[in-house]
């Protein structure tokens, strides 16, 4: 009986210890493991690529849904802060327009998007808060 036949028989008779054997064999023969992985990759390249594309698509859809949910929550919180502040800049007291215009909402600290962490500012005061650069919403 050759060594290869003996190993095949041993593997068949000891399925519970096969992974243990395979680990030791792969550690002792890394070049064969690489070759085995290479053969598997090229034999199944289309299936692997398709699985990769499918995973990317699922992750992309999940990320888009999370981004949309986050944007909607932030928009609602910004409106709550603007209404709470009566559409008035909290620095200079200017009346803010209701729509796209001179209204900006500023985070007091960047740890939370809750309304009590947001204040209403005009565009010029918001720019001053950010060191002179103009930054809206």
Protein backbone atom coordinates (compact mmCIF):
# COMPACT_ATOMS: atom_id res chain seq x y z
CA UNK A 1 0.00 0.00 0.00
CA UNK A 2 1.43 3.37 -1.03
CA UNK A 3 1.54 6.34 1.29
CA UNK A 4 -1.17 8.14 -0.70
CA UNK A 5 -3.51 5.13 -0.45
CA UNK A 6 -2.79 4.82 3.27
CA UNK A 7 -3.62 8.52 3.80
CA UNK A 8 -6.86 8.24 1.81
CA UNK A 9 -7.91 5.25 3.90
CA UNK A 10 -6.89 6.95 7.15
CA UNK A 11 -8.91 10.04 6.25
CA UNK A 12 -11.95 7.90 5.43
CA UNK A 13 -11.68 6.04 8.75
CA UNK A 14 -10.98 9.13 10.91
CA UNK A 15 -13.32 11.92 9.76
CA UNK A 16 -13.32 13.56 13.20
CA UNK A 17 -9.54 13.99 13.07
CA UNK A 18 -9.34 15.04 9.43
CA UNK A 19 -9.20 18.77 10.12
CA UNK A 20 -6.44 18.15 12.67
CA UNK A 21 -4.50 16.17 10.08
CA UNK A 22 -5.11 18.77 7.38
CA UNK A 23 -3.85 21.57 9.63
CA UNK A 24 -0.63 19.70 10.37
CA UNK A 25 -0.20 18.75 6.70
CA UNK A 26 -0.80 22.32 5.51
CA UNK A 27 1.71 23.67 8.02
CA UNK A 28 4.28 21.15 6.86
CA UNK A 29 3.59 21.69 3.13
CA UNK A 30 2.60 25.33 2.51
CA UNK A 31 3.52 25.12 -1.17
CA UNK A 32 0.96 22.35 -1.73
CA UNK A 33 -1.70 24.34 0.11
CA UNK A 34 -1.00 27.33 -2.13
CA UNK A 35 -1.19 25.14 -5.21
CA UNK A 36 -4.44 23.57 -3.99
CA UNK A 37 -5.92 27.02 -3.35
CA UNK A 38 -4.79 28.20 -6.77
CA UNK A 39 -6.38 25.18 -8.48
CA UNK A 40 -9.62 25.71 -6.55
CA UNK A 41 -9.66 29.41 -7.43
CA UNK A 42 -9.19 28.87 -11.16
CA UNK A 43 -11.65 25.95 -11.24
CA UNK A 44 -14.33 28.07 -9.54
CA UNK A 45 -13.40 31.56 -10.68
CA UNK A 46 -16.78 32.43 -12.20
CA UNK A 47 -18.69 31.20 -9.16
CA UNK A 48 -16.38 33.15 -6.83
CA UNK A 49 -16.69 36.32 -8.93
CA UNK A 50 -20.47 36.02 -9.00
CA UNK A 51 -20.57 35.52 -5.21
CA UNK A 52 -18.34 38.58 -4.80
CA UNK A 53 -20.59 40.69 -7.05
CA UNK A 54 -23.68 39.52 -5.16
CA UNK A 55 -22.12 40.38 -1.78
CA UNK A 56 -21.07 43.82 -3.02
CA UNK A 57 -24.59 44.47 -4.34
CA UNK A 58 -26.20 43.39 -1.04
CA UNK A 59 -23.80 45.53 0.99
CA UNK A 60 -24.36 48.51 -1.31
CA UNK A 61 -28.15 48.23 -0.98
CA UNK A 62 -27.88 47.90 2.81
CA UNK A 63 -25.58 50.94 3.00
CA UNK A 64 -27.93 53.00 0.84
CA UNK A 65 -30.86 52.12 3.08
CA UNK A 66 -28.89 53.06 6.21
CA UNK A 67 -27.74 56.34 4.64
CA UNK A 68 -31.31 57.23 3.67
CA UNK A 69 -32.55 56.41 7.18
CA UNK A 70 -29.77 58.55 8.72
CA UNK A 71 -30.43 61.50 6.37
CA UNK A 72 -34.17 61.42 7.12
CA UNK A 73 -33.56 61.34 10.89
CA UNK A 74 -31.03 64.18 10.67
CA UNK A 75 -33.40 66.27 8.52
CA UNK A 76 -36.20 65.82 11.08
CA UNK A 77 -33.86 66.78 13.93
CA UNK A 78 -32.70 69.88 12.03
CA UNK A 79 -36.31 70.96 11.53
CA UNK A 80 -37.02 70.40 15.22
CA UNK A 81 -34.02 72.60 16.12
CA UNK A 82 -35.09 75.35 13.69
CA UNK A 83 -38.66 75.39 15.01
CA UNK A 84 -37.43 75.30 18.62
CA UNK A 85 -35.19 78.33 17.92
CA UNK A 86 -38.11 80.07 16.14
CA UNK A 87 -36.15 80.30 12.86
CA UNK A 88 -33.74 82.79 14.44
CA UNK A 89 -29.94 82.78 14.36
CA UNK A 90 -28.75 82.03 17.89
CA UNK A 91 -25.61 84.21 17.44
CA UNK A 92 -26.75 87.41 15.73
CA UNK A 93 -30.55 87.15 16.06
CA UNK A 94 -31.25 87.38 12.31
CA UNK A 95 -34.48 85.88 11.03
CA UNK A 96 -33.80 82.74 8.97
CA UNK A 97 -35.68 82.00 5.76
CA UNK A 98 -37.93 78.93 5.68
CA UNK A 99 -36.47 76.97 2.82
CA UNK A 100 -33.17 76.87 1.05
CA UNK A 101 -31.53 80.15 1.91
CA UNK A 102 -29.69 81.50 4.88
CA UNK A 103 -30.63 78.81 7.46
CA UNK A 104 -27.95 76.46 8.80
CA UNK A 105 -27.97 74.06 11.71
CA UNK A 106 -24.75 73.69 13.68
CA UNK A 107 -23.65 70.80 15.92
CA UNK A 108 -22.48 71.95 19.34
CA UNK A 109 -20.32 68.83 19.46
CA UNK A 110 -20.10 66.15 16.79
CA UNK A 111 -21.07 63.19 18.96
CA UNK A 112 -24.81 63.31 18.35
CA UNK A 113 -27.47 64.48 15.91
CA UNK A 114 -30.12 64.95 18.61
CA UNK A 115 -32.01 68.29 18.55
CA UNK A 116 -30.58 69.41 21.90
CA UNK A 117 -27.09 69.18 20.32
CA UNK A 118 -28.10 71.40 17.36
CA UNK A 119 -28.49 75.19 17.16
CA UNK A 120 -29.88 77.39 14.39
CA UNK A 121 -27.45 79.82 12.75
CA UNK A 122 -27.41 82.03 9.68
CA UNK A 123 -24.89 81.13 6.97
CA UNK A 124 -22.42 83.87 7.92
CA UNK A 125 -22.42 82.96 11.65
CA UNK A 126 -22.12 79.27 10.73
CA UNK A 127 -19.08 80.10 8.60
CA UNK A 128 -17.53 81.98 11.53
CA UNK A 129 -18.10 78.95 13.79
CA UNK A 130 -16.12 76.89 11.27
CA UNK A 131 -13.17 79.25 11.19
CA UNK A 132 -14.23 81.63 8.45
CA UNK A 133 -15.28 79.14 5.81
CA UNK A 134 -18.91 79.07 4.77
CA UNK A 135 -20.59 75.75 5.44
CA UNK A 136 -24.32 75.29 5.04
CA UNK A 137 -26.64 72.83 6.80
